[in-house]
């Protein structure tokens, strides 16, 4: 991939990197998505979330809550599916965090349902933090319940979300 200093990377070159067998190239492509306009970044990230490597999926999902110029309604189903279905807990945690970043009320039901089924503390922590970001009173009972969690980090996040 050749770009002159200061020039944003071209989407076709990044898509080519994303198709590489080399993990480092795929991660580089996802990290370079930050330099693309939102809609182009989304094109790249949508492909990256299907990568076989969890680090690539994590890197892609982590950026989705902060994409500018992209309709949140395009991002919601992607993040909801990752929260529900990704086999790696850290990818699910990133999806929960990104849902919180979007601050879309439609994410509430998915976050509450995921909190009930999730056993990984990091995902539960991210869900509680996301519920705090949403600020929806319908999350009150779940946040109060989280105050009783065994993990001090989760109870702290729940207290912050309620405060």
Protein backbone atom coordinates (compact mmCIF):
# COMPACT_ATOMS: atom_id res chain seq x y z
CA UNK A 1 0.00 0.00 0.00
CA UNK A 2 1.54 3.26 -1.08
CA UNK A 3 0.34 6.63 0.10
CA UNK A 4 2.25 9.84 0.30
CA UNK A 5 2.74 11.43 3.65
CA UNK A 6 -0.47 13.00 4.87
CA UNK A 7 -2.69 11.33 2.27
CA UNK A 8 -5.45 9.10 3.62
CA UNK A 9 -5.17 5.46 2.63
CA UNK A 10 -7.28 4.29 -0.29
CA UNK A 11 -10.12 1.91 0.50
CA UNK A 12 -9.20 -0.59 -2.27
CA UNK A 13 -5.65 -0.89 -0.91
CA UNK A 14 -6.96 -1.47 2.60
CA UNK A 15 -9.45 -4.07 1.38
CA UNK A 16 -6.54 -5.84 -0.30
CA UNK A 17 -4.61 -5.80 2.99
CA UNK A 18 -7.67 -7.12 4.78
CA UNK A 19 -7.71 -10.13 2.43
CA UNK A 20 -4.08 -10.96 3.23
CA UNK A 21 -3.12 -14.25 4.85
CA UNK A 22 -0.85 -12.25 7.16
CA UNK A 23 -2.54 -11.31 10.45
CA UNK A 24 -0.39 -8.19 10.79
CA UNK A 25 -1.58 -6.89 7.43
CA UNK A 26 -5.22 -7.48 8.35
CA UNK A 27 -4.79 -5.67 11.67
CA UNK A 28 -3.01 -2.80 9.90
CA UNK A 29 -5.91 -2.47 7.48
CA UNK A 30 -8.44 -2.27 10.31
CA UNK A 31 -6.36 0.27 12.22
CA UNK A 32 -5.99 2.40 9.07
CA UNK A 33 -9.80 2.50 8.83
CA UNK A 34 -9.61 5.30 11.43
CA UNK A 35 -8.19 7.53 8.68
CA UNK A 36 -11.06 6.90 6.27
CA UNK A 37 -14.33 8.82 6.04
CA UNK A 38 -17.04 7.08 8.10
CA UNK A 39 -18.90 5.35 5.25
CA UNK A 40 -15.66 3.98 3.75
CA UNK A 41 -14.47 2.86 7.17
CA UNK A 42 -17.76 1.04 7.67
CA UNK A 43 -17.28 -0.83 4.38
CA UNK A 44 -13.90 -2.07 5.58
CA UNK A 45 -15.03 -2.83 9.15
CA UNK A 46 -18.07 -4.78 7.96
CA UNK A 47 -15.72 -7.18 6.20
CA UNK A 48 -13.31 -7.34 9.12
CA UNK A 49 -15.96 -8.46 11.60
CA UNK A 50 -16.13 -11.77 9.73
CA UNK A 51 -12.41 -12.43 10.03
CA UNK A 52 -11.39 -15.80 11.48
CA UNK A 53 -9.08 -14.07 13.96
CA UNK A 54 -10.67 -12.60 17.09
CA UNK A 55 -8.10 -9.76 17.27
CA UNK A 56 -9.20 -8.50 13.86
CA UNK A 57 -12.89 -8.75 14.80
CA UNK A 58 -12.19 -6.97 18.10
CA UNK A 59 -10.31 -4.15 16.37
CA UNK A 60 -13.18 -3.68 13.92
CA UNK A 61 -16.00 -3.80 16.46
CA UNK A 62 -14.12 -1.43 18.78
CA UNK A 63 -14.23 1.31 16.14
CA UNK A 64 -17.91 1.05 15.31
CA UNK A 65 -19.21 3.13 18.18
CA UNK A 66 -17.11 6.09 17.15
CA UNK A 67 -17.60 6.21 13.37
CA UNK A 68 -18.59 9.70 12.28
CA UNK A 69 -20.93 10.34 9.40
CA UNK A 70 -22.53 6.89 9.64
CA UNK A 71 -26.19 6.34 10.47
CA UNK A 72 -26.32 4.51 13.84
CA UNK A 73 -29.18 2.41 12.46
CA UNK A 74 -26.64 0.77 10.13
CA UNK A 75 -24.35 -0.04 13.05
CA UNK A 76 -26.93 -1.32 15.54
CA UNK A 77 -27.65 -4.71 13.91
CA UNK A 78 -23.94 -5.37 13.42
CA UNK A 79 -23.15 -4.66 17.05
CA UNK A 80 -26.22 -6.47 18.35
CA UNK A 81 -25.28 -9.58 16.38
CA UNK A 82 -21.69 -9.48 17.66
CA UNK A 83 -22.89 -9.07 21.24
CA UNK A 84 -25.18 -12.07 20.79
CA UNK A 85 -23.13 -14.40 18.63
CA UNK A 86 -19.38 -13.80 18.64
CA UNK A 87 -17.60 -16.73 20.31
CA UNK A 88 -14.89 -14.49 21.83
CA UNK A 89 -15.81 -12.71 25.04
CA UNK A 90 -13.62 -9.68 24.35
CA UNK A 91 -15.34 -9.11 21.01
CA UNK A 92 -18.71 -9.28 22.79
CA UNK A 93 -17.39 -6.79 25.38
CA UNK A 94 -16.31 -4.43 22.60
CA UNK A 95 -19.75 -4.73 21.00
CA UNK A 96 -21.41 -3.79 24.29
CA UNK A 97 -19.11 -0.80 24.69
CA UNK A 98 -19.77 0.34 21.12
CA UNK A 99 -23.53 0.06 21.70
CA UNK A 100 -23.10 2.34 24.70
CA UNK A 101 -21.08 4.78 22.60
CA UNK A 102 -23.91 5.00 20.06
CA UNK A 103 -26.39 5.96 22.81
CA UNK A 104 -29.29 4.51 20.82
CA UNK A 105 -32.33 3.51 22.91
CA UNK A 106 -32.92 0.52 20.60
CA UNK A 107 -29.84 -1.14 22.15
CA UNK A 108 -31.40 -1.41 25.61
CA UNK A 109 -33.23 -4.71 25.17
CA UNK A 110 -30.17 -6.42 23.68
CA UNK A 111 -27.92 -5.17 26.47
CA UNK A 112 -30.34 -6.28 29.19
CA UNK A 113 -30.78 -9.70 27.61
CA UNK A 114 -27.02 -10.12 27.19
CA UNK A 115 -26.43 -9.22 30.83
CA UNK A 116 -28.83 -11.97 31.93
CA UNK A 117 -27.13 -14.67 29.86
CA UNK A 118 -23.50 -13.57 29.98
CA UNK A 119 -21.04 -15.25 32.37
CA UNK A 120 -17.81 -13.45 31.43
CA UNK A 121 -17.11 -10.62 33.85
CA UNK A 122 -15.54 -8.37 31.18
CA UNK A 123 -18.64 -8.56 29.00
CA UNK A 124 -20.90 -7.95 32.00
CA UNK A 125 -18.76 -4.97 32.97
CA UNK A 126 -19.00 -3.52 29.45
CA UNK A 127 -22.76 -4.05 29.43
CA UNK A 128 -23.19 -2.23 32.74
CA UNK A 129 -21.05 0.65 31.51
CA UNK A 130 -23.08 0.78 28.28
CA UNK A 131 -26.33 0.83 30.23
CA UNK A 132 -24.96 3.81 32.12
CA UNK A 133 -24.17 5.53 28.82
CA UNK A 134 -27.74 4.97 27.62
CA UNK A 135 -29.16 6.55 30.77
CA UNK A 136 -32.47 4.75 30.30
CA UNK A 137 -34.54 4.35 33.50
CA UNK A 138 -35.64 0.91 32.27
CA UNK A 139 -32.12 -0.34 33.14
CA UNK A 140 -32.50 0.64 36.81
CA UNK A 141 -33.35 -2.83 38.15
CA UNK A 142 -30.46 -4.46 36.29
CA UNK A 143 -28.04 -1.80 37.54
CA UNK A 144 -29.23 -2.29 41.12
CA UNK A 145 -28.81 -6.05 40.69
CA UNK A 146 -25.27 -5.46 39.42
CA UNK A 147 -24.45 -3.70 42.70
CA UNK A 148 -24.53 -7.18 44.27
CA UNK A 149 -22.14 -8.77 41.74
CA UNK A 150 -19.06 -10.64 43.00
CA UNK A 151 -16.79 -8.46 40.86
CA UNK A 152 -15.82 -5.17 42.44
CA UNK A 153 -15.30 -3.68 38.98
CA UNK A 154 -18.89 -4.50 38.01
CA UNK A 155 -20.29 -3.07 41.24
CA UNK A 156 -18.23 0.09 40.73
CA UNK A 157 -19.47 0.41 37.15
CA UNK A 158 -23.05 -0.12 38.33
CA UNK A 159 -22.68 2.56 41.00
CA UNK A 160 -21.26 4.97 38.43
CA UNK A 161 -24.08 4.14 36.00
CA UNK A 162 -26.67 4.82 38.69
CA UNK A 163 -24.94 7.98 39.90
